[in-house]
Amino acid sequence: MSEVESYIMQFPDEIQTRLFAIRSIGFNVFPNANERIYHRVPTFATGGRDVINYAAYEDHITLWVGYEMVDFLKNAYPECKYTKVTIQFPHDEDFPVELVREICEMVENF
């Protein structure tokens, strides 16, 4: 079992499903990326830079996308919750798999 799989397996089944969905999207969008645990969270890195970090917390899942991408996403998806460098998806809402895919694709081309 990889470090990332070990990270994901520590969570309840529903959260694991969401994290594995992000992982699958990451492998599809970033096929040449290296997957690792960086700063204690799963990370996809390509071309010498981290492209997506993701993590589960008590009440949400976070994607680290960076300052510029958050500014862009706030305009495109104002209904989502953001911090300075992340977008968050609450556990008590349906998980937006297609939105996560779109965000990963945007990050790849940003």
PDB file of N, CA and C in Angstrom:
ATOM      1  N   MET A   1       0.848  -1.175   0.000  1.00  0.00           N
ATOM      2  CA  MET A   1       0.000   0.000   0.000  1.00  0.00           C
ATOM      3  C   MET A   1       0.894   1.240   0.000  1.00  0.00           C
ATOM      4  N   SER A   2       0.566   2.209  -0.860  1.00  0.00           N
ATOM      5  CA  SER A   2       1.357   3.439  -0.947  1.00  0.00           C
ATOM      6  C   SER A   2       1.046   4.364   0.232  1.00  0.00           C
ATOM      7  N   GLU A   3       1.885   5.378   0.420  1.00  0.00           N
ATOM      8  CA  GLU A   3       1.647   6.365   1.471  1.00  0.00           C
ATOM      9  C   GLU A   3       0.308   7.072   1.262  1.00  0.00           C
ATOM     10  N   VAL A   4      -0.018   7.371   0.014  1.00  0.00           N
ATOM     11  CA  VAL A   4      -1.279   8.052  -0.281  1.00  0.00           C
ATOM     12  C   VAL A   4      -2.452   7.132   0.045  1.00  0.00           C
ATOM     13  N   GLU A   5      -2.364   5.873  -0.338  1.00  0.00           N
ATOM     14  CA  GLU A   5      -3.432   4.931  -0.002  1.00  0.00           C
ATOM     15  C   GLU A   5      -3.588   4.797   1.507  1.00  0.00           C
ATOM     16  N   SER A   6      -2.491   4.753   2.236  1.00  0.00           N
ATOM     17  CA  SER A   6      -2.547   4.689   3.701  1.00  0.00           C
ATOM     18  C   SER A   6      -3.236   5.927   4.268  1.00  0.00           C
ATOM     19  N   TYR A   7      -2.917   7.088   3.708  1.00  0.00           N
ATOM     20  CA  TYR A   7      -3.557   8.326   4.141  1.00  0.00           C
ATOM     21  C   TYR A   7      -5.072   8.216   3.952  1.00  0.00           C
ATOM     22  N   ILE A   8      -5.497   7.806   2.773  1.00  0.00           N
ATOM     23  CA  ILE A   8      -6.925   7.743   2.447  1.00  0.00           C
ATOM     24  C   ILE A   8      -7.650   6.724   3.320  1.00  0.00           C
ATOM     25  N   MET A   9      -7.016   5.597   3.576  1.00  0.00           N
ATOM     26  CA  MET A   9      -7.667   4.505   4.311  1.00  0.00           C
ATOM     27  C   MET A   9      -7.953   4.839   5.778  1.00  0.00           C
ATOM     28  N   GLN A  10      -7.381   5.901   6.301  1.00  0.00           N
ATOM     29  CA  GLN A  10      -7.626   6.260   7.697  1.00  0.00           C
ATOM     30  C   GLN A  10      -8.993   6.915   7.916  1.00  0.00           C
ATOM     31  N   PHE A  11      -9.696   7.237   6.828  1.00  0.00           N
ATOM     32  CA  PHE A  11     -10.967   7.947   6.924  1.00  0.00           C
ATOM     33  C   PHE A  11     -12.157   6.998   6.766  1.00  0.00           C
ATOM     34  N   PRO A  12     -13.348   7.442   7.184  1.00  0.00           N
ATOM     35  CA  PRO A  12     -14.557   6.634   6.979  1.00  0.00           C
ATOM     36  C   PRO A  12     -14.802   6.396   5.485  1.00  0.00           C
ATOM     37  N   ASP A  13     -15.573   5.368   5.186  1.00  0.00           N
ATOM     38  CA  ASP A  13     -15.797   4.934   3.805  1.00  0.00           C
ATOM     39  C   ASP A  13     -16.243   6.052   2.865  1.00  0.00           C
ATOM     40  N   GLU A  14     -17.201   6.864   3.280  1.00  0.00           N
ATOM     41  CA  GLU A  14     -17.705   7.930   2.403  1.00  0.00           C
ATOM     42  C   GLU A  14     -16.602   8.924   2.048  1.00  0.00           C
ATOM     43  N   ILE A  15     -15.764   9.248   3.012  1.00  0.00           N
ATOM     44  CA  ILE A  15     -14.661  10.183   2.772  1.00  0.00           C
ATOM     45  C   ILE A  15     -13.607   9.514   1.883  1.00  0.00           C
ATOM     46  N   GLN A  16     -13.343   8.235   2.126  1.00  0.00           N
ATOM     47  CA  GLN A  16     -12.411   7.499   1.261  1.00  0.00           C
ATOM     48  C   GLN A  16     -12.870   7.549  -0.189  1.00  0.00           C
ATOM     49  N   THR A  17     -14.167   7.363  -0.409  1.00  0.00           N
ATOM     50  CA  THR A  17     -14.704   7.391  -1.771  1.00  0.00           C
ATOM     51  C   THR A  17     -14.411   8.729  -2.434  1.00  0.00           C
ATOM     52  N   ARG A  18     -14.576   9.810  -1.707  1.00  0.00           N
ATOM     53  CA  ARG A  18     -14.304  11.145  -2.247  1.00  0.00           C
ATOM     54  C   ARG A  18     -12.816  11.329  -2.533  1.00  0.00           C
ATOM     55  N   LEU A  19     -11.982  10.901  -1.607  1.00  0.00           N
ATOM     56  CA  LEU A  19     -10.535  11.042  -1.798  1.00  0.00           C
ATOM     57  C   LEU A  19     -10.044  10.178  -2.951  1.00  0.00           C
ATOM     58  N   PHE A  20     -10.547   8.952  -3.051  1.00  0.00           N
ATOM     59  CA  PHE A  20     -10.153   8.102  -4.173  1.00  0.00           C
ATOM     60  C   PHE A  20     -10.632   8.685  -5.502  1.00  0.00           C
ATOM     61  N   ALA A  21     -11.775   9.384  -5.488  1.00  0.00           N
ATOM     62  CA  ALA A  21     -12.252  10.045  -6.708  1.00  0.00           C
ATOM     63  C   ALA A  21     -11.272  11.145  -7.130  1.00  0.00           C
ATOM     64  N   ILE A  22     -10.819  11.939  -6.173  1.00  0.00           N
ATOM     65  CA  ILE A  22      -9.832  12.983  -6.488  1.00  0.00           C
ATOM     66  C   ILE A  22      -8.555  12.349  -7.018  1.00  0.00           C
ATOM     67  N   ARG A  23      -8.127  11.286  -6.376  1.00  0.00           N
ATOM     68  CA  ARG A  23      -6.901  10.592  -6.807  1.00  0.00           C
ATOM     69  C   ARG A  23      -7.045  10.082  -8.242  1.00  0.00           C
ATOM     70  N   SER A  24      -8.167   9.494  -8.558  1.00  0.00           N
ATOM     71  CA  SER A  24      -8.411   8.988  -9.906  1.00  0.00           C
ATOM     72  C   SER A  24      -8.405  10.127 -10.929  1.00  0.00           C
ATOM     73  N   ILE A  25      -9.069  11.213 -10.592  1.00  0.00           N
ATOM     74  CA  ILE A  25      -9.069  12.386 -11.468  1.00  0.00           C
ATOM     75  C   ILE A  25      -7.642  12.880 -11.665  1.00  0.00           C
ATOM     76  N   GLY A  26      -6.879  12.935 -10.588  1.00  0.00           N
ATOM     77  CA  GLY A  26      -5.486  13.384 -10.686  1.00  0.00           C
ATOM     78  C   GLY A  26      -4.668  12.539 -11.634  1.00  0.00           C
ATOM     79  N   PHE A  27      -4.814  11.224 -11.543  1.00  0.00           N
ATOM     80  CA  PHE A  27      -4.072  10.343 -12.459  1.00  0.00           C
ATOM     81  C   PHE A  27      -4.501  10.551 -13.908  1.00  0.00           C
ATOM     82  N   ASN A  28      -5.794  10.856 -14.131  1.00  0.00           N
ATOM     83  CA  ASN A  28      -6.276  11.081 -15.496  1.00  0.00           C
ATOM     84  C   ASN A  28      -5.835  12.429 -16.050  1.00  0.00           C
ATOM     85  N   VAL A  29      -5.920  13.470 -15.244  1.00  0.00           N
ATOM     86  CA  VAL A  29      -5.592  14.817 -15.708  1.00  0.00           C
ATOM     87  C   VAL A  29      -4.084  15.046 -15.749  1.00  0.00           C
ATOM     88  N   PHE A  30      -3.362  14.451 -14.823  1.00  0.00           N
ATOM     89  CA  PHE A  30      -1.910  14.621 -14.735  1.00  0.00           C
ATOM     90  C   PHE A  30      -1.223  13.265 -14.906  1.00  0.00           C
ATOM     91  N   PRO A  31      -1.301  12.644 -16.078  1.00  0.00           N
ATOM     92  CA  PRO A  31      -0.804  11.272 -16.246  1.00  0.00           C
ATOM     93  C   PRO A  31       0.689  11.108 -16.001  1.00  0.00           C
ATOM     94  N   ASN A  32       1.465  12.167 -16.121  1.00  0.00           N
ATOM     95  CA  ASN A  32       2.917  12.078 -15.914  1.00  0.00           C
ATOM     96  C   ASN A  32       3.344  12.582 -14.545  1.00  0.00           C
ATOM     97  N   ALA A  33       2.381  12.873 -13.688  1.00  0.00           N
ATOM     98  CA  ALA A  33       2.699  13.424 -12.370  1.00  0.00           C
ATOM     99  C   ALA A  33       3.216  12.349 -11.426  1.00  0.00           C
ATOM    100  N   ASN A  34       3.983  12.799 -10.462  1.00  0.00           N
ATOM    101  CA  ASN A  34       4.408  11.957  -9.354  1.00  0.00           C
ATOM    102  C   ASN A  34       3.415  12.179  -8.222  1.00  0.00           C
ATOM    103  N   GLU A  35       3.003  11.101  -7.597  1.00  0.00           N
ATOM    104  CA  GLU A  35       2.102  11.181  -6.457  1.00  0.00           C
ATOM    105  C   GLU A  35       2.918  10.934  -5.198  1.00  0.00           C
ATOM    106  N   ARG A  36       2.682  11.765  -4.192  1.00  0.00           N
ATOM    107  CA  ARG A  36       3.417  11.611  -2.939  1.00  0.00           C
ATOM    108  C   ARG A  36       2.659  12.284  -1.806  1.00  0.00           C
ATOM    109  N   ILE A  37       3.119  12.053  -0.607  1.00  0.00           N
ATOM    110  CA  ILE A  37       2.637  12.802   0.550  1.00  0.00           C
ATOM    111  C   ILE A  37       3.622  13.955   0.736  1.00  0.00           C
ATOM    112  N   TYR A  38       3.086  15.165   0.741  1.00  0.00           N
ATOM    113  CA  TYR A  38       3.910  16.361   0.917  1.00  0.00           C
ATOM    114  C   TYR A  38       3.179  17.271   1.889  1.00  0.00           C
ATOM    115  N   HIS A  39       3.857  17.731   2.914  1.00  0.00           N
ATOM    116  CA  HIS A  39       3.220  18.486   3.994  1.00  0.00           C
ATOM    117  C   HIS A  39       2.052  17.694   4.591  1.00  0.00           C
ATOM    118  N   ARG A  40       2.236  16.389   4.676  1.00  0.00           N
ATOM    119  CA  ARG A  40       1.289  15.443   5.296  1.00  0.00           C
ATOM    120  C   ARG A  40      -0.007  15.246   4.527  1.00  0.00           C
ATOM    121  N   VAL A  41      -0.057  15.667   3.247  1.00  0.00           N
ATOM    122  CA  VAL A  41      -1.271  15.475   2.450  1.00  0.00           C
ATOM    123  C   VAL A  41      -0.909  14.934   1.070  1.00  0.00           C
ATOM    124  N   PRO A  42      -1.833  14.229   0.420  1.00  0.00           N
ATOM    125  CA  PRO A  42      -1.583  13.730  -0.935  1.00  0.00           C
ATOM    126  C   PRO A  42      -1.356  14.880  -1.919  1.00  0.00           C
ATOM    127  N   THR A  43      -0.373  14.678  -2.795  1.00  0.00           N
ATOM    128  CA  THR A  43       0.043  15.721  -3.727  1.00  0.00           C
ATOM    129  C   THR A  43       0.376  15.112  -5.072  1.00  0.00           C
ATOM    130  N   PHE A  44      -0.043  15.800  -6.129  1.00  0.00           N
ATOM    131  CA  PHE A  44       0.402  15.477  -7.474  1.00  0.00           C
ATOM    132  C   PHE A  44       1.383  16.559  -7.892  1.00  0.00           C
ATOM    133  N   ALA A  45       2.575  16.147  -8.348  1.00  0.00           N
ATOM    134  CA  ALA A  45       3.590  17.090  -8.793  1.00  0.00           C
ATOM    135  C   ALA A  45       4.024  16.720 -10.206  1.00  0.00           C
ATOM    136  N   THR A  46       4.189  17.736 -11.021  1.00  0.00           N
ATOM    137  CA  THR A  46       4.645  17.518 -12.389  1.00  0.00           C
ATOM    138  C   THR A  46       5.476  18.712 -12.830  1.00  0.00           C
ATOM    139  N   GLY A  47       6.468  18.460 -13.638  1.00  0.00           N
ATOM    140  CA  GLY A  47       7.313  19.543 -14.117  1.00  0.00           C
ATOM    141  C   GLY A  47       8.007  20.300 -13.016  1.00  0.00           C
ATOM    142  N   GLY A  48       8.310  19.615 -11.918  1.00  0.00           N
ATOM    143  CA  GLY A  48       9.016  20.254 -10.810  1.00  0.00           C
ATOM    144  C   GLY A  48       8.147  21.111  -9.913  1.00  0.00           C
ATOM    145  N   ARG A  49       6.825  21.061 -10.082  1.00  0.00           N
ATOM    146  CA  ARG A  49       5.943  21.846  -9.209  1.00  0.00           C
ATOM    147  C   ARG A  49       4.744  21.019  -8.769  1.00  0.00           C
ATOM    148  N   ASP A  50       4.241  21.351  -7.581  1.00  0.00           N
ATOM    149  CA  ASP A  50       3.016  20.723  -7.112  1.00  0.00           C
ATOM    150  C   ASP A  50       1.857  21.314  -7.915  1.00  0.00           C
ATOM    151  N   VAL A  51       0.985  20.455  -8.425  1.00  0.00           N
ATOM    152  CA  VAL A  51      -0.156  20.955  -9.180  1.00  0.00           C
ATOM    153  C   VAL A  51      -1.445  20.872  -8.387  1.00  0.00           C
ATOM    154  N   ILE A  52      -1.603  19.852  -7.569  1.00  0.00           N
ATOM    155  CA  ILE A  52      -2.787  19.723  -6.708  1.00  0.00           C
ATOM    156  C   ILE A  52      -2.378  18.999  -5.426  1.00  0.00           C
ATOM    157  N   ASN A  53      -2.787  19.570  -4.305  1.00  0.00           N
ATOM    158  CA  ASN A  53      -2.702  18.903  -3.016  1.00  0.00           C
ATOM    159  C   ASN A  53      -4.145  18.755  -2.548  1.00  0.00           C
ATOM    160  N   TYR A  54      -4.440  17.679  -1.847  1.00  0.00           N
ATOM    161  CA  TYR A  54      -5.807  17.499  -1.346  1.00  0.00           C
ATOM    162  C   TYR A  54      -5.770  16.818   0.003  1.00  0.00           C
ATOM    163  N   ALA A  55      -6.809  17.059   0.787  1.00  0.00           N
ATOM    164  CA  ALA A  55      -6.850  16.492   2.134  1.00  0.00           C
ATOM    165  C   ALA A  55      -8.278  16.460   2.642  1.00  0.00           C
ATOM    166  N   ALA A  56      -8.511  15.582   3.592  1.00  0.00           N
ATOM    167  CA  ALA A  56      -9.806  15.505   4.263  1.00  0.00           C
ATOM    168  C   ALA A  56      -9.660  16.055   5.674  1.00  0.00           C
ATOM    169  N   TYR A  57     -10.672  16.775   6.078  1.00  0.00           N
ATOM    170  CA  TYR A  57     -10.747  17.309   7.431  1.00  0.00           C
ATOM    171  C   TYR A  57     -12.086  16.893   8.025  1.00  0.00           C
ATOM    172  N   GLU A  58     -12.324  17.274   9.250  1.00  0.00           N
ATOM    173  CA  GLU A  58     -13.514  16.826   9.960  1.00  0.00           C
ATOM    174  C   GLU A  58     -14.812  17.119   9.197  1.00  0.00           C
ATOM    175  N   ASP A  59     -14.887  18.299   8.573  1.00  0.00           N
ATOM    176  CA  ASP A  59     -16.149  18.673   7.940  1.00  0.00           C
ATOM    177  C   ASP A  59     -16.064  18.983   6.442  1.00  0.00           C
ATOM    178  N   HIS A  60     -14.885  18.789   5.848  1.00  0.00           N
ATOM    179  CA  HIS A  60     -14.757  19.097   4.427  1.00  0.00           C
ATOM    180  C   HIS A  60     -13.526  18.437   3.806  1.00  0.00           C
ATOM    181  N   ILE A  61     -13.471  18.504   2.483  1.00  0.00           N
ATOM    182  CA  ILE A  61     -12.280  18.128   1.714  1.00  0.00           C
ATOM    183  C   ILE A  61     -11.742  19.403   1.094  1.00  0.00           C
ATOM    184  N   THR A  62     -10.442  19.534   1.106  1.00  0.00           N
ATOM    185  CA  THR A  62      -9.776  20.723   0.581  1.00  0.00           C
ATOM    186  C   THR A  62      -8.912  20.366  -0.614  1.00  0.00           C
ATOM    187  N   LEU A  63      -8.944  21.238  -1.622  1.00  0.00           N
ATOM    188  CA  LEU A  63      -7.983  21.198  -2.726  1.00  0.00           C
ATOM    189  C   LEU A  63      -7.145  22.464  -2.642  1.00  0.00           C
ATOM    190  N   TRP A  64      -5.818  22.312  -2.583  1.00  0.00           N
ATOM    191  CA  TRP A  64      -4.921  23.461  -2.650  1.00  0.00           C
ATOM    192  C   TRP A  64      -4.674  23.756  -4.118  1.00  0.00           C
ATOM    193  N   VAL A  65      -5.036  24.946  -4.543  1.00  0.00           N
ATOM    194  CA  VAL A  65      -4.887  25.305  -5.956  1.00  0.00           C
ATOM    195  C   VAL A  65      -4.068  26.566  -6.173  1.00  0.00           C
ATOM    196  N   GLY A  66      -3.756  27.309  -5.126  1.00  0.00           N
ATOM    197  CA  GLY A  66      -2.928  28.509  -5.232  1.00  0.00           C
ATOM    198  C   GLY A  66      -3.749  29.787  -5.281  1.00  0.00           C
ATOM    199  N   TYR A  67      -3.069  30.900  -4.989  1.00  0.00           N
ATOM    200  CA  TYR A  67      -3.714  32.207  -4.909  1.00  0.00           C
ATOM    201  C   TYR A  67      -4.427  32.606  -6.203  1.00  0.00           C
ATOM    202  N   GLU A  68      -3.687  32.535  -7.317  1.00  0.00           N
ATOM    203  CA  GLU A  68      -4.243  32.995  -8.589  1.00  0.00           C
ATOM    204  C   GLU A  68      -5.451  32.155  -9.009  1.00  0.00           C
ATOM    205  N   MET A  69      -5.361  30.852  -8.819  1.00  0.00           N
ATOM    206  CA  MET A  69      -6.469  29.981  -9.206  1.00  0.00           C
ATOM    207  C   MET A  69      -7.681  30.231  -8.323  1.00  0.00           C
ATOM    208  N   VAL A  70      -7.482  30.464  -7.022  1.00  0.00           N
ATOM    209  CA  VAL A  70      -8.610  30.782  -6.141  1.00  0.00           C
ATOM    210  C   VAL A  70      -9.299  32.058  -6.616  1.00  0.00           C
ATOM    211  N   ASP A  71      -8.533  33.087  -6.972  1.00  0.00           N
ATOM    212  CA  ASP A  71      -9.139  34.321  -7.472  1.00  0.00           C
ATOM    213  C   ASP A  71      -9.982  34.041  -8.710  1.00  0.00           C
ATOM    214  N   PHE A  72      -9.477  33.223  -9.606  1.00  0.00           N
ATOM    215  CA  PHE A  72     -10.218  32.872 -10.810  1.00  0.00           C
ATOM    216  C   PHE A  72     -11.481  32.080 -10.464  1.00  0.00           C
ATOM    217  N   LEU A  73     -11.332  31.069  -9.601  1.00  0.00           N
ATOM    218  CA  LEU A  73     -12.460  30.198  -9.254  1.00  0.00           C
ATOM    219  C   LEU A  73     -13.568  30.944  -8.516  1.00  0.00           C
ATOM    220  N   LYS A  74     -13.205  31.920  -7.692  1.00  0.00           N
ATOM    221  CA  LYS A  74     -14.217  32.688  -6.962  1.00  0.00           C
ATOM    222  C   LYS A  74     -15.195  33.356  -7.926  1.00  0.00           C
ATOM    223  N   ASN A  75     -14.686  33.799  -9.058  1.00  0.00           N
ATOM    224  CA  ASN A  75     -15.556  34.420 -10.061  1.00  0.00           C
ATOM    225  C   ASN A  75     -16.360  33.374 -10.820  1.00  0.00           C
ATOM    226  N   ALA A  76     -15.746  32.241 -11.129  1.00  0.00           N
ATOM    227  CA  ALA A  76     -16.406  31.193 -11.910  1.00  0.00           C
ATOM    228  C   ALA A  76     -17.393  30.383 -11.074  1.00  0.00           C
ATOM    229  N   TYR A  77     -17.082  30.149  -9.805  1.00  0.00           N
ATOM    230  CA  TYR A  77     -17.909  29.320  -8.923  1.00  0.00           C
ATOM    231  C   TYR A  77     -18.107  30.030  -7.582  1.00  0.00           C
ATOM    232  N   PRO A  78     -18.866  31.111  -7.579  1.00  0.00           N
ATOM    233  CA  PRO A  78     -19.011  31.899  -6.338  1.00  0.00           C
ATOM    234  C   PRO A  78     -19.724  31.169  -5.205  1.00  0.00           C
ATOM    235  N   GLU A  79     -20.428  30.086  -5.518  1.00  0.00           N
ATOM    236  CA  GLU A  79     -21.166  29.346  -4.486  1.00  0.00           C
ATOM    237  C   GLU A  79     -20.262  28.480  -3.618  1.00  0.00           C
ATOM    238  N   CYS A  80     -19.017  28.283  -4.028  1.00  0.00           N
ATOM    239  CA  CYS A  80     -18.091  27.430  -3.278  1.00  0.00           C
ATOM    240  C   CYS A  80     -17.433  28.207  -2.141  1.00  0.00           C
ATOM    241  N   LYS A  81     -16.859  27.474  -1.206  1.00  0.00           N
ATOM    242  CA  LYS A  81     -16.157  28.060  -0.064  1.00  0.00           C
ATOM    243  C   LYS A  81     -14.654  28.049  -0.349  1.00  0.00           C
ATOM    244  N   TYR A  82     -13.990  29.140  -0.038  1.00  0.00           N
ATOM    245  CA  TYR A  82     -12.568  29.305  -0.345  1.00  0.00           C
ATOM    246  C   TYR A  82     -11.797  29.824   0.857  1.00  0.00           C
ATOM    247  N   THR A  83     -10.486  29.549   0.839  1.00  0.00           N
ATOM    248  CA  THR A  83      -9.529  30.261   1.683  1.00  0.00           C
ATOM    249  C   THR A  83      -8.610  30.989   0.703  1.00  0.00           C
ATOM    250  N   LYS A  84      -7.511  31.509   1.170  1.00  0.00           N
ATOM    251  CA  LYS A  84      -6.602  32.228   0.266  1.00  0.00           C
ATOM    252  C   LYS A  84      -6.047  31.337  -0.837  1.00  0.00           C
ATOM    253  N   VAL A  85      -5.838  30.045  -0.546  1.00  0.00           N
ATOM    254  CA  VAL A  85      -5.205  29.159  -1.533  1.00  0.00           C
ATOM    255  C   VAL A  85      -5.954  27.860  -1.773  1.00  0.00           C
ATOM    256  N   THR A  86      -7.159  27.716  -1.188  1.00  0.00           N
ATOM    257  CA  THR A  86      -7.882  26.444  -1.306  1.00  0.00           C
ATOM    258  C   THR A  86      -9.338  26.654  -1.697  1.00  0.00           C
ATOM    259  N   ILE A  87      -9.912  25.565  -2.188  1.00  0.00           N
ATOM    260  CA  ILE A  87     -11.351  25.450  -2.362  1.00  0.00           C
ATOM    261  C   ILE A  87     -11.787  24.273  -1.498  1.00  0.00           C
ATOM    262  N   GLN A  88     -12.932  24.414  -0.827  1.00  0.00           N
ATOM    263  CA  GLN A  88     -13.379  23.406   0.125  1.00  0.00           C
ATOM    264  C   GLN A  88     -14.740  22.844  -0.274  1.00  0.00           C
ATOM    265  N   PHE A  89     -14.900  21.542  -0.033  1.00  0.00           N
ATOM    266  CA  PHE A  89     -16.136  20.833  -0.339  1.00  0.00           C
ATOM    267  C   PHE A  89     -16.651  20.170   0.940  1.00  0.00           C
ATOM    268  N   PRO A  90     -17.733  20.707   1.519  1.00  0.00           N
ATOM    269  CA  PRO A  90     -18.262  20.162   2.779  1.00  0.00           C
ATOM    270  C   PRO A  90     -18.731  18.715   2.631  1.00  0.00           C
ATOM    271  N   HIS A  91     -18.541  17.949   3.686  1.00  0.00           N
ATOM    272  CA  HIS A  91     -18.974  16.549   3.691  1.00  0.00           C
ATOM    273  C   HIS A  91     -20.500  16.415   3.681  1.00  0.00           C
ATOM    274  N   ASP A  92     -21.200  17.441   4.153  1.00  0.00           N
ATOM    275  CA  ASP A  92     -22.659  17.336   4.220  1.00  0.00           C
ATOM    276  C   ASP A  92     -23.348  17.747   2.911  1.00  0.00           C
ATOM    277  N   GLU A  93     -22.565  17.931   1.846  1.00  0.00           N
ATOM    278  CA  GLU A  93     -23.109  18.226   0.522  1.00  0.00           C
ATOM    279  C   GLU A  93     -22.649  17.146  -0.447  1.00  0.00           C
ATOM    280  N   ASP A  94     -23.379  16.988  -1.551  1.00  0.00           N
ATOM    281  CA  ASP A  94     -22.939  16.052  -2.591  1.00  0.00           C
ATOM    282  C   ASP A  94     -21.553  16.442  -3.066  1.00  0.00           C
ATOM    283  N   PHE A  95     -20.719  15.446  -3.309  1.00  0.00           N
ATOM    284  CA  PHE A  95     -19.355  15.723  -3.748  1.00  0.00           C
ATOM    285  C   PHE A  95     -19.359  16.012  -5.251  1.00  0.00           C
ATOM    286  N   PRO A  96     -18.859  17.184  -5.651  1.00  0.00           N
ATOM    287  CA  PRO A  96     -18.923  17.613  -7.054  1.00  0.00           C
ATOM    288  C   PRO A  96     -17.776  17.051  -7.905  1.00  0.00           C
ATOM    289  N   VAL A  97     -17.861  15.781  -8.252  1.00  0.00           N
ATOM    290  CA  VAL A  97     -16.786  15.103  -8.980  1.00  0.00           C
ATOM    291  C   VAL A  97     -16.442  15.849 -10.271  1.00  0.00           C
ATOM    292  N   GLU A  98     -17.444  16.241 -11.033  1.00  0.00           N
ATOM    293  CA  GLU A  98     -17.167  16.923 -12.303  1.00  0.00           C
ATOM    294  C   GLU A  98     -16.523  18.288 -12.087  1.00  0.00           C
ATOM    295  N   LEU A  99     -16.908  18.990 -11.048  1.00  0.00           N
ATOM    296  CA  LEU A  99     -16.271  20.268 -10.736  1.00  0.00           C
ATOM    297  C   LEU A  99     -14.809  20.050 -10.365  1.00  0.00           C
ATOM    298  N   VAL A 100     -14.528  19.027  -9.581  1.00  0.00           N
ATOM    299  CA  VAL A 100     -13.142  18.716  -9.223  1.00  0.00           C
ATOM    300  C   VAL A 100     -12.332  18.413 -10.487  1.00  0.00           C
ATOM    301  N   ARG A 101     -12.909  17.666 -11.414  1.00  0.00           N
ATOM    302  CA  ARG A 101     -12.237  17.372 -12.684  1.00  0.00           C
ATOM    303  C   ARG A 101     -11.958  18.675 -13.448  1.00  0.00           C
ATOM    304  N   GLU A 102     -12.950  19.553 -13.528  1.00  0.00           N
ATOM    305  CA  GLU A 102     -12.782  20.833 -14.224  1.00  0.00           C
ATOM    306  C   GLU A 102     -11.678  21.664 -13.576  1.00  0.00           C
ATOM    307  N   ILE A 103     -11.663  21.691 -12.252  1.00  0.00           N
ATOM    308  CA  ILE A 103     -10.638  22.463 -11.542  1.00  0.00           C
ATOM    309  C   ILE A 103      -9.250  21.897 -11.832  1.00  0.00           C
ATOM    310  N   CYS A 104      -9.116  20.576 -11.779  1.00  0.00           N
ATOM    311  CA  CYS A 104      -7.815  19.957 -12.079  1.00  0.00           C
ATOM    312  C   CYS A 104      -7.372  20.283 -13.509  1.00  0.00           C
ATOM    313  N   GLU A 105      -8.310  20.230 -14.439  1.00  0.00           N
ATOM    314  CA  GLU A 105      -7.969  20.563 -15.820  1.00  0.00           C
ATOM    315  C   GLU A 105      -7.569  22.025 -15.961  1.00  0.00           C
ATOM    316  N   MET A 106      -8.238  22.913 -15.224  1.00  0.00           N
ATOM    317  CA  MET A 106      -7.875  24.330 -15.241  1.00  0.00           C
ATOM    318  C   MET A 106      -6.476  24.533 -14.658  1.00  0.00           C
ATOM    319  N   VAL A 107      -6.204  23.857 -13.538  1.00  0.00           N
ATOM    320  CA  VAL A 107      -4.897  23.981 -12.897  1.00  0.00           C
ATOM    321  C   VAL A 107      -3.802  23.532 -13.870  1.00  0.00           C
ATOM    322  N   GLU A 108      -4.061  22.447 -14.595  1.00  0.00           N
ATOM    323  CA  GLU A 108      -3.089  21.934 -15.560  1.00  0.00           C
ATOM    324  C   GLU A 108      -2.769  22.962 -16.634  1.00  0.00           C
ATOM    325  N   ASN A 109      -3.749  23.769 -17.005  1.00  0.00           N
ATOM    326  CA  ASN A 109      -3.568  24.735 -18.089  1.00  0.00           C
ATOM    327  C   ASN A 109      -3.406  26.169 -17.615  1.00  0.00           C
ATOM    328  N   PHE A 110      -3.378  26.387 -16.312  1.00  0.00           N
ATOM    329  CA  PHE A 110      -3.348  27.746 -15.750  1.00  0.00           C
ATOM    330  C   PHE A 110      -1.957  28.331 -15.836  1.00  0.00           C
TER     331      PHE A 110
END
